[in-house]
Amino acid sequence: MATVRLGSRKIRVPGSRIQRVAIGILLVCVGFLGFLPVLGFWMIPLGIVVLSIDFHPVRRLRRRFEVRFGRWRQSRDVHRFGTKRSDDTHRRHV
């Protein structure tokens, strides 16, 4: 069974490529109905993450977004705290 890492969490996805593609497309399509109750726009990024397992162009777009978000977060921390902070200092230890 394949896994997808989102931040510090790992999510298991089906091992079959056909099932992953079907789930990814379904999440993206239903995500556009996010204005309806229960459904939400959160389904679009989740569908893109699932599709990125099998499709290189989608994987590249996701990776580009991750890098840009990481750089934005680092620059925000530098402006906010004056120095770069490691990821360990952002997490609460439970």
PDB file of N, CA and C in Angstrom:
ATOM      1  N   MET A   1       0.843  -1.170   0.000  1.00  0.00           N
ATOM      2  CA  MET A   1       0.000   0.000   0.000  1.00  0.00           C
ATOM      3  C   MET A   1       0.895   1.242   0.000  1.00  0.00           C
ATOM      4  N   ALA A   2       0.609   2.180  -0.858  1.00  0.00           N
ATOM      5  CA  ALA A   2       1.398   3.409  -0.973  1.00  0.00           C
ATOM      6  C   ALA A   2       1.007   4.382   0.136  1.00  0.00           C
ATOM      7  N   THR A   3       1.941   5.260   0.484  1.00  0.00           N
ATOM      8  CA  THR A   3       1.660   6.288   1.479  1.00  0.00           C
ATOM      9  C   THR A   3       2.012   7.653   0.911  1.00  0.00           C
ATOM     10  N   VAL A   4       1.307   8.654   1.406  1.00  0.00           N
ATOM     11  CA  VAL A   4       1.559  10.046   1.048  1.00  0.00           C
ATOM     12  C   VAL A   4       1.856  10.778   2.336  1.00  0.00           C
ATOM     13  N   ARG A   5       2.904  11.583   2.340  1.00  0.00           N
ATOM     14  CA  ARG A   5       3.265  12.343   3.536  1.00  0.00           C
ATOM     15  C   ARG A   5       2.741  13.762   3.390  1.00  0.00           C
ATOM     16  N   LEU A   6       1.949  14.199   4.359  1.00  0.00           N
ATOM     17  CA  LEU A   6       1.448  15.569   4.428  1.00  0.00           C
ATOM     18  C   LEU A   6       1.930  16.159   5.743  1.00  0.00           C
ATOM     19  N   GLY A   7       2.953  16.964   5.672  1.00  0.00           N
ATOM     20  CA  GLY A   7       3.538  17.491   6.898  1.00  0.00           C
ATOM     21  C   GLY A   7       4.173  16.363   7.674  1.00  0.00           C
ATOM     22  N   SER A   8       3.723  16.168   8.887  1.00  0.00           N
ATOM     23  CA  SER A   8       4.279  15.096   9.715  1.00  0.00           C
ATOM     24  C   SER A   8       3.394  13.848   9.707  1.00  0.00           C
ATOM     25  N   ARG A   9       2.325  13.870   8.925  1.00  0.00           N
ATOM     26  CA  ARG A   9       1.405  12.731   8.889  1.00  0.00           C
ATOM     27  C   ARG A   9       1.598  11.909   7.629  1.00  0.00           C
ATOM     28  N   LYS A  10       1.379  10.622   7.767  1.00  0.00           N
ATOM     29  CA  LYS A  10       1.414   9.723   6.620  1.00  0.00           C
ATOM     30  C   LYS A  10       0.013   9.184   6.400  1.00  0.00           C
ATOM     31  N   ILE A  11      -0.429   9.252   5.143  1.00  0.00           N
ATOM     32  CA  ILE A  11      -1.758   8.785   4.790  1.00  0.00           C
ATOM     33  C   ILE A  11      -1.600   7.630   3.820  1.00  0.00           C
ATOM     34  N   ARG A  12      -2.267   6.530   4.111  1.00  0.00           N
ATOM     35  CA  ARG A  12      -2.204   5.373   3.215  1.00  0.00           C
ATOM     36  C   ARG A  12      -3.198   5.554   2.083  1.00  0.00           C
ATOM     37  N   VAL A  13      -2.774   5.214   0.880  1.00  0.00           N
ATOM     38  CA  VAL A  13      -3.642   5.253  -0.300  1.00  0.00           C
ATOM     39  C   VAL A  13      -3.613   3.864  -0.933  1.00  0.00           C
ATOM     40  N   PRO A  14      -4.614   3.537  -1.747  1.00  0.00           N
ATOM     41  CA  PRO A  14      -4.663   2.192  -2.351  1.00  0.00           C
ATOM     42  C   PRO A  14      -3.406   1.870  -3.150  1.00  0.00           C
ATOM     43  N   GLY A  15      -3.050   0.607  -3.182  1.00  0.00           N
ATOM     44  CA  GLY A  15      -1.881   0.162  -3.914  1.00  0.00           C
ATOM     45  C   GLY A  15      -2.092   0.119  -5.423  1.00  0.00           C
ATOM     46  N   SER A  16      -3.337  -0.017  -5.841  1.00  0.00           N
ATOM     47  CA  SER A  16      -3.651  -0.092  -7.261  1.00  0.00           C
ATOM     48  C   SER A  16      -3.627   1.300  -7.897  1.00  0.00           C
ATOM     49  N   ARG A  17      -2.906   1.405  -9.005  1.00  0.00           N
ATOM     50  CA  ARG A  17      -2.802   2.698  -9.694  1.00  0.00           C
ATOM     51  C   ARG A  17      -4.170   3.179 -10.165  1.00  0.00           C
ATOM     52  N   ILE A  18      -4.988   2.275 -10.669  1.00  0.00           N
ATOM     53  CA  ILE A  18      -6.315   2.651 -11.168  1.00  0.00           C
ATOM     54  C   ILE A  18      -7.177   3.217 -10.040  1.00  0.00           C
ATOM     55  N   GLN A  19      -7.110   2.608  -8.868  1.00  0.00           N
ATOM     56  CA  GLN A  19      -7.882   3.112  -7.731  1.00  0.00           C
ATOM     57  C   GLN A  19      -7.387   4.485  -7.292  1.00  0.00           C
ATOM     58  N   ARG A  20      -6.060   4.666  -7.255  1.00  0.00           N
ATOM     59  CA  ARG A  20      -5.515   5.973  -6.849  1.00  0.00           C
ATOM     60  C   ARG A  20      -5.942   7.061  -7.818  1.00  0.00           C
ATOM     61  N   VAL A  21      -5.852   6.792  -9.108  1.00  0.00           N
ATOM     62  CA  VAL A  21      -6.233   7.789 -10.112  1.00  0.00           C
ATOM     63  C   VAL A  21      -7.724   8.097  -9.995  1.00  0.00           C
ATOM     64  N   ALA A  22      -8.545   7.080  -9.833  1.00  0.00           N
ATOM     65  CA  ALA A  22      -9.992   7.297  -9.702  1.00  0.00           C
ATOM     66  C   ALA A  22     -10.310   8.130  -8.464  1.00  0.00           C
ATOM     67  N   ILE A  23      -9.678   7.814  -7.338  1.00  0.00           N
ATOM     68  CA  ILE A  23      -9.909   8.569  -6.103  1.00  0.00           C
ATOM     69  C   ILE A  23      -9.427  10.008  -6.265  1.00  0.00           C
ATOM     70  N   GLY A  24      -8.261  10.206  -6.868  1.00  0.00           N
ATOM     71  CA  GLY A  24      -7.729  11.554  -7.061  1.00  0.00           C
ATOM     72  C   GLY A  24      -8.630  12.400  -7.943  1.00  0.00           C
ATOM     73  N   ILE A  25      -9.070  11.843  -9.060  1.00  0.00           N
ATOM     74  CA  ILE A  25      -9.949  12.584  -9.969  1.00  0.00           C
ATOM     75  C   ILE A  25     -11.281  12.881  -9.294  1.00  0.00           C
ATOM     76  N   LEU A  26     -11.811  11.897  -8.570  1.00  0.00           N
ATOM     77  CA  LEU A  26     -13.074  12.094  -7.865  1.00  0.00           C
ATOM     78  C   LEU A  26     -12.957  13.206  -6.819  1.00  0.00           C
ATOM     79  N   LEU A  27     -11.884  13.214  -6.055  1.00  0.00           N
ATOM     80  CA  LEU A  27     -11.693  14.261  -5.044  1.00  0.00           C
ATOM     81  C   LEU A  27     -11.605  15.640  -5.679  1.00  0.00           C
ATOM     82  N   VAL A  28     -10.860  15.759  -6.780  1.00  0.00           N
ATOM     83  CA  VAL A  28     -10.729  17.059  -7.436  1.00  0.00           C
ATOM     84  C   VAL A  28     -12.080  17.511  -7.998  1.00  0.00           C
ATOM     85  N   CYS A  29     -12.780  16.627  -8.689  1.00  0.00           N
ATOM     86  CA  CYS A  29     -14.074  16.995  -9.293  1.00  0.00           C
ATOM     87  C   CYS A  29     -15.109  17.362  -8.233  1.00  0.00           C
ATOM     88  N   VAL A  30     -15.217  16.561  -7.182  1.00  0.00           N
ATOM     89  CA  VAL A  30     -16.190  16.840  -6.127  1.00  0.00           C
ATOM     90  C   VAL A  30     -15.773  18.075  -5.327  1.00  0.00           C
ATOM     91  N   GLY A  31     -14.482  18.344  -5.257  1.00  0.00           N
ATOM     92  CA  GLY A  31     -14.003  19.523  -4.550  1.00  0.00           C
ATOM     93  C   GLY A  31     -14.500  20.821  -5.153  1.00  0.00           C
ATOM     94  N   PHE A  32     -14.786  20.809  -6.448  1.00  0.00           N
ATOM     95  CA  PHE A  32     -15.322  22.010  -7.079  1.00  0.00           C
ATOM     96  C   PHE A  32     -16.755  22.288  -6.639  1.00  0.00           C
ATOM     97  N   LEU A  33     -17.374  21.334  -5.978  1.00  0.00           N
ATOM     98  CA  LEU A  33     -18.704  21.543  -5.408  1.00  0.00           C
ATOM     99  C   LEU A  33     -18.587  21.924  -3.930  1.00  0.00           C
ATOM    100  N   GLY A  34     -17.503  22.560  -3.578  1.00  0.00           N
ATOM    101  CA  GLY A  34     -17.198  22.877  -2.189  1.00  0.00           C
ATOM    102  C   GLY A  34     -18.168  23.825  -1.524  1.00  0.00           C
ATOM    103  N   PHE A  35     -18.963  24.517  -2.300  1.00  0.00           N
ATOM    104  CA  PHE A  35     -19.941  25.439  -1.706  1.00  0.00           C
ATOM    105  C   PHE A  35     -21.120  24.679  -1.097  1.00  0.00           C
ATOM    106  N   LEU A  36     -21.253  23.394  -1.410  1.00  0.00           N
ATOM    107  CA  LEU A  36     -22.332  22.581  -0.846  1.00  0.00           C
ATOM    108  C   LEU A  36     -21.934  22.074   0.543  1.00  0.00           C
ATOM    109  N   PRO A  37     -22.917  21.824   1.407  1.00  0.00           N
ATOM    110  CA  PRO A  37     -22.590  21.281   2.731  1.00  0.00           C
ATOM    111  C   PRO A  37     -21.903  19.911   2.608  1.00  0.00           C
ATOM    112  N   VAL A  38     -21.083  19.591   3.538  1.00  0.00           N
ATOM    113  CA  VAL A  38     -20.321  18.344   3.659  1.00  0.00           C
ATOM    114  C   VAL A  38     -19.142  18.327   2.687  1.00  0.00           C
ATOM    115  N   LEU A  39     -19.365  18.637   1.421  1.00  0.00           N
ATOM    116  CA  LEU A  39     -18.269  18.691   0.470  1.00  0.00           C
ATOM    117  C   LEU A  39     -17.477  19.963   0.740  1.00  0.00           C
ATOM    118  N   GLY A  40     -16.235  19.966   0.341  1.00  0.00           N
ATOM    119  CA  GLY A  40     -15.449  21.159   0.617  1.00  0.00           C
ATOM    120  C   GLY A  40     -14.328  21.346  -0.382  1.00  0.00           C
ATOM    121  N   PHE A  41     -13.825  22.568  -0.411  1.00  0.00           N
ATOM    122  CA  PHE A  41     -12.723  22.886  -1.301  1.00  0.00           C
ATOM    123  C   PHE A  41     -11.435  22.189  -0.859  1.00  0.00           C
ATOM    124  N   TRP A  42     -11.397  21.649   0.367  1.00  0.00           N
ATOM    125  CA  TRP A  42     -10.233  20.920   0.861  1.00  0.00           C
ATOM    126  C   TRP A  42      -9.990  19.649   0.051  1.00  0.00           C
ATOM    127  N   MET A  43     -10.992  19.193  -0.683  1.00  0.00           N
ATOM    128  CA  MET A  43     -10.847  17.972  -1.475  1.00  0.00           C
ATOM    129  C   MET A  43      -9.942  18.177  -2.690  1.00  0.00           C
ATOM    130  N   ILE A  44      -9.861  19.396  -3.190  1.00  0.00           N
ATOM    131  CA  ILE A  44      -9.047  19.663  -4.384  1.00  0.00           C
ATOM    132  C   ILE A  44      -7.564  19.412  -4.109  1.00  0.00           C
ATOM    133  N   PRO A  45      -6.964  20.037  -3.074  1.00  0.00           N
ATOM    134  CA  PRO A  45      -5.548  19.745  -2.825  1.00  0.00           C
ATOM    135  C   PRO A  45      -5.289  18.288  -2.458  1.00  0.00           C
ATOM    136  N   LEU A  46      -6.218  17.672  -1.745  1.00  0.00           N
ATOM    137  CA  LEU A  46      -6.039  16.264  -1.396  1.00  0.00           C
ATOM    138  C   LEU A  46      -6.043  15.395  -2.649  1.00  0.00           C
ATOM    139  N   GLY A  47      -6.930  15.681  -3.590  1.00  0.00           N
ATOM    140  CA  GLY A  47      -6.958  14.958  -4.855  1.00  0.00           C
ATOM    141  C   GLY A  47      -5.687  15.150  -5.651  1.00  0.00           C
ATOM    142  N   ILE A  48      -5.150  16.372  -5.630  1.00  0.00           N
ATOM    143  CA  ILE A  48      -3.893  16.647  -6.337  1.00  0.00           C
ATOM    144  C   ILE A  48      -2.747  15.861  -5.710  1.00  0.00           C
ATOM    145  N   VAL A  49      -2.725  15.765  -4.398  1.00  0.00           N
ATOM    146  CA  VAL A  49      -1.677  14.988  -3.726  1.00  0.00           C
ATOM    147  C   VAL A  49      -1.781  13.515  -4.115  1.00  0.00           C
ATOM    148  N   VAL A  50      -2.990  12.979  -4.156  1.00  0.00           N
ATOM    149  CA  VAL A  50      -3.163  11.573  -4.537  1.00  0.00           C
ATOM    150  C   VAL A  50      -2.742  11.370  -5.992  1.00  0.00           C
ATOM    151  N   LEU A  51      -3.121  12.289  -6.878  1.00  0.00           N
ATOM    152  CA  LEU A  51      -2.744  12.170  -8.285  1.00  0.00           C
ATOM    153  C   LEU A  51      -1.237  12.320  -8.490  1.00  0.00           C
ATOM    154  N   SER A  52      -0.576  13.060  -7.600  1.00  0.00           N
ATOM    155  CA  SER A  52       0.868  13.298  -7.768  1.00  0.00           C
ATOM    156  C   SER A  52       1.691  12.036  -7.584  1.00  0.00           C
ATOM    157  N   ILE A  53       1.117  10.990  -7.021  1.00  0.00           N
ATOM    158  CA  ILE A  53       1.834   9.725  -6.878  1.00  0.00           C
ATOM    159  C   ILE A  53       2.120   9.126  -8.247  1.00  0.00           C
ATOM    160  N   ASP A  54       1.165   9.239  -9.166  1.00  0.00           N
ATOM    161  CA  ASP A  54       1.262   8.560 -10.452  1.00  0.00           C
ATOM    162  C   ASP A  54       1.608   9.455 -11.637  1.00  0.00           C
ATOM    163  N   PHE A  55       1.378  10.747 -11.531  1.00  0.00           N
ATOM    164  CA  PHE A  55       1.581  11.637 -12.678  1.00  0.00           C
ATOM    165  C   PHE A  55       2.706  12.630 -12.402  1.00  0.00           C
ATOM    166  N   HIS A  56       3.753  12.558 -13.222  1.00  0.00           N
ATOM    167  CA  HIS A  56       4.928  13.412 -13.021  1.00  0.00           C
ATOM    168  C   HIS A  56       4.618  14.901 -13.104  1.00  0.00           C
ATOM    169  N   PRO A  57       3.814  15.377 -14.069  1.00  0.00           N
ATOM    170  CA  PRO A  57       3.530  16.823 -14.108  1.00  0.00           C
ATOM    171  C   PRO A  57       2.837  17.313 -12.835  1.00  0.00           C
ATOM    172  N   VAL A  58       1.922  16.527 -12.307  1.00  0.00           N
ATOM    173  CA  VAL A  58       1.232  16.916 -11.072  1.00  0.00           C
ATOM    174  C   VAL A  58       2.212  16.892  -9.907  1.00  0.00           C
ATOM    175  N   ARG A  59       3.108  15.904  -9.902  1.00  0.00           N
ATOM    176  CA  ARG A  59       4.124  15.820  -8.847  1.00  0.00           C
ATOM    177  C   ARG A  59       5.032  17.034  -8.876  1.00  0.00           C
ATOM    178  N   ARG A  60       5.423  17.472 -10.075  1.00  0.00           N
ATOM    179  CA  ARG A  60       6.276  18.667 -10.195  1.00  0.00           C
ATOM    180  C   ARG A  60       5.570  19.906  -9.659  1.00  0.00           C
ATOM    181  N   LEU A  61       4.299  20.071 -10.004  1.00  0.00           N
ATOM    182  CA  LEU A  61       3.542  21.228  -9.502  1.00  0.00           C
ATOM    183  C   LEU A  61       3.430  21.196  -7.979  1.00  0.00           C
ATOM    184  N   ARG A  62       3.149  20.019  -7.433  1.00  0.00           N
ATOM    185  CA  ARG A  62       3.045  19.893  -5.974  1.00  0.00           C
ATOM    186  C   ARG A  62       4.369  20.205  -5.310  1.00  0.00           C
ATOM    187  N   ARG A  63       5.456  19.698  -5.884  1.00  0.00           N
ATOM    188  CA  ARG A  63       6.777  19.936  -5.305  1.00  0.00           C
ATOM    189  C   ARG A  63       7.144  21.417  -5.374  1.00  0.00           C
ATOM    190  N   ARG A  64       6.827  22.065  -6.503  1.00  0.00           N
ATOM    191  CA  ARG A  64       7.090  23.498  -6.628  1.00  0.00           C
ATOM    192  C   ARG A  64       6.350  24.281  -5.549  1.00  0.00           C
ATOM    193  N   PHE A  65       5.088  23.911  -5.332  1.00  0.00           N
ATOM    194  CA  PHE A  65       4.307  24.581  -4.298  1.00  0.00           C
ATOM    195  C   PHE A  65       4.928  24.355  -2.921  1.00  0.00           C
ATOM    196  N   GLU A  66       5.352  23.128  -2.628  1.00  0.00           N
ATOM    197  CA  GLU A  66       5.972  22.836  -1.333  1.00  0.00           C
ATOM    198  C   GLU A  66       7.223  23.675  -1.110  1.00  0.00           C
ATOM    199  N   VAL A  67       8.056  23.798  -2.154  1.00  0.00           N
ATOM    200  CA  VAL A  67       9.289  24.579  -2.032  1.00  0.00           C
ATOM    201  C   VAL A  67       8.962  26.051  -1.811  1.00  0.00           C
ATOM    202  N   ARG A  68       8.037  26.588  -2.590  1.00  0.00           N
ATOM    203  CA  ARG A  68       7.656  28.001  -2.420  1.00  0.00           C
ATOM    204  C   ARG A  68       7.058  28.254  -1.050  1.00  0.00           C
ATOM    205  N   PHE A  69       6.208  27.346  -0.590  1.00  0.00           N
ATOM    206  CA  PHE A  69       5.603  27.506   0.728  1.00  0.00           C
ATOM    207  C   PHE A  69       6.673  27.446   1.817  1.00  0.00           C
ATOM    208  N   GLY A  70       7.619  26.535   1.677  1.00  0.00           N
ATOM    209  CA  GLY A  70       8.704  26.442   2.660  1.00  0.00           C
ATOM    210  C   GLY A  70       9.557  27.696   2.700  1.00  0.00           C
ATOM    211  N   ARG A  71       9.866  28.253   1.534  1.00  0.00           N
ATOM    212  CA  ARG A  71      10.645  29.497   1.490  1.00  0.00           C
ATOM    213  C   ARG A  71       9.862  30.659   2.081  1.00  0.00           C
ATOM    214  N   TRP A  72       8.551  30.721   1.758  1.00  0.00           N
ATOM    215  CA  TRP A  72       7.723  31.782   2.317  1.00  0.00           C
ATOM    216  C   TRP A  72       7.682  31.686   3.836  1.00  0.00           C
ATOM    217  N   ARG A  73       7.559  30.454   4.331  1.00  0.00           N
ATOM    218  CA  ARG A  73       7.490  30.247   5.777  1.00  0.00           C
ATOM    219  C   ARG A  73       8.802  30.645   6.459  1.00  0.00           C
ATOM    220  N   GLN A  74       9.931  30.300   5.817  1.00  0.00           N
ATOM    221  CA  GLN A  74      11.226  30.690   6.387  1.00  0.00           C
ATOM    222  C   GLN A  74      11.380  32.204   6.411  1.00  0.00           C
ATOM    223  N   SER A  75      11.009  32.873   5.314  1.00  0.00           N
ATOM    224  CA  SER A  75      11.156  34.336   5.282  1.00  0.00           C
ATOM    225  C   SER A  75      10.219  34.992   6.290  1.00  0.00           C
ATOM    226  N   ARG A  76       9.034  34.427   6.468  1.00  0.00           N
ATOM    227  CA  ARG A  76       8.098  34.948   7.462  1.00  0.00           C
ATOM    228  C   ARG A  76       8.686  34.815   8.859  1.00  0.00           C
ATOM    229  N   ASP A  77       9.324  33.665   9.149  1.00  0.00           N
ATOM    230  CA  ASP A  77       9.933  33.461  10.457  1.00  0.00           C
ATOM    231  C   ASP A  77      11.100  34.401  10.690  1.00  0.00           C
ATOM    232  N   VAL A  78      11.872  34.666   9.635  1.00  0.00           N
ATOM    233  CA  VAL A  78      13.003  35.592   9.772  1.00  0.00           C
ATOM    234  C   VAL A  78      12.487  36.986  10.109  1.00  0.00           C
ATOM    235  N   HIS A  79      11.421  37.402   9.438  1.00  0.00           N
ATOM    236  CA  HIS A  79      10.862  38.728   9.722  1.00  0.00           C
ATOM    237  C   HIS A  79      10.194  38.776  11.088  1.00  0.00           C
ATOM    238  N   ARG A  80       9.586  37.680  11.480  1.00  0.00           N
ATOM    239  CA  ARG A  80       8.850  37.647  12.740  1.00  0.00           C
ATOM    240  C   ARG A  80       9.766  37.477  13.942  1.00  0.00           C
ATOM    241  N   PHE A  81      10.750  36.587  13.832  1.00  0.00           N
ATOM    242  CA  PHE A  81      11.576  36.251  14.991  1.00  0.00           C
ATOM    243  C   PHE A  81      13.014  36.745  14.881  1.00  0.00           C
ATOM    244  N   GLY A  82      13.418  37.212  13.725  1.00  0.00           N
ATOM    245  CA  GLY A  82      14.764  37.725  13.566  1.00  0.00           C
ATOM    246  C   GLY A  82      15.789  36.689  13.151  1.00  0.00           C
ATOM    247  N   THR A  83      15.486  35.420  13.305  1.00  0.00           N
ATOM    248  CA  THR A  83      16.392  34.353  12.892  1.00  0.00           C
ATOM    249  C   THR A  83      15.575  33.207  12.333  1.00  0.00           C
ATOM    250  N   LYS A  84      16.264  32.331  11.615  1.00  0.00           N
ATOM    251  CA  LYS A  84      15.588  31.134  11.120  1.00  0.00           C
ATOM    252  C   LYS A  84      15.358  30.188  12.278  1.00  0.00           C
ATOM    253  N   ARG A  85      14.198  29.589  12.288  1.00  0.00           N
ATOM    254  CA  ARG A  85      13.884  28.611  13.319  1.00  0.00           C
ATOM    255  C   ARG A  85      13.746  27.260  12.668  1.00  0.00           C
ATOM    256  N   SER A  86      14.193  26.236  13.342  1.00  0.00           N
ATOM    257  CA  SER A  86      14.048  24.890  12.793  1.00  0.00           C
ATOM    258  C   SER A  86      12.610  24.431  12.967  1.00  0.00           C
ATOM    259  N   ASP A  87      12.215  23.413  12.232  1.00  0.00           N
ATOM    260  CA  ASP A  87      10.851  22.896  12.303  1.00  0.00           C
ATOM    261  C   ASP A  87      10.539  22.352  13.690  1.00  0.00           C
ATOM    262  N   ASP A  88      11.543  21.896  14.428  1.00  0.00           N
ATOM    263  CA  ASP A  88      11.288  21.319  15.756  1.00  0.00           C
ATOM    264  C   ASP A  88      10.769  22.349  16.734  1.00  0.00           C
ATOM    265  N   THR A  89      11.141  23.620  16.574  1.00  0.00           N
ATOM    266  CA  THR A  89      10.704  24.629  17.512  1.00  0.00           C
ATOM    267  C   THR A  89       9.269  25.055  17.247  1.00  0.00           C
ATOM    268  N   HIS A  90       8.737  24.752  16.047  1.00  0.00           N
ATOM    269  CA  HIS A  90       7.360  25.110  15.735  1.00  0.00           C
ATOM    270  C   HIS A  90       6.368  24.115  16.305  1.00  0.00           C
ATOM    271  N   ARG A  91       6.800  22.914  16.521  1.00  0.00           N
ATOM    272  CA  ARG A  91       5.889  21.865  16.980  1.00  0.00           C
ATOM    273  C   ARG A  91       5.809  21.849  18.491  1.00  0.00           C
ATOM    274  N   ARG A  92       4.626  21.536  18.955  1.00  0.00           N
ATOM    275  CA  ARG A  92       4.461  21.329  20.391  1.00  0.00           C
ATOM    276  C   ARG A  92       4.799  19.899  20.728  1.00  0.00           C
ATOM    277  N   HIS A  93       5.476  19.699  21.809  1.00  0.00           N
ATOM    278  CA  HIS A  93       5.788  18.341  22.245  1.00  0.00           C
ATOM    279  C   HIS A  93       4.671  17.885  23.164  1.00  0.00           C
ATOM    280  N   VAL A  94       4.022  16.823  22.786  1.00  0.00           N
ATOM    281  CA  VAL A  94       2.887  16.329  23.568  1.00  0.00           C
ATOM    282  C   VAL A  94       3.311  15.126  24.354  1.00  0.00           C
TER     283      VAL A  94
END
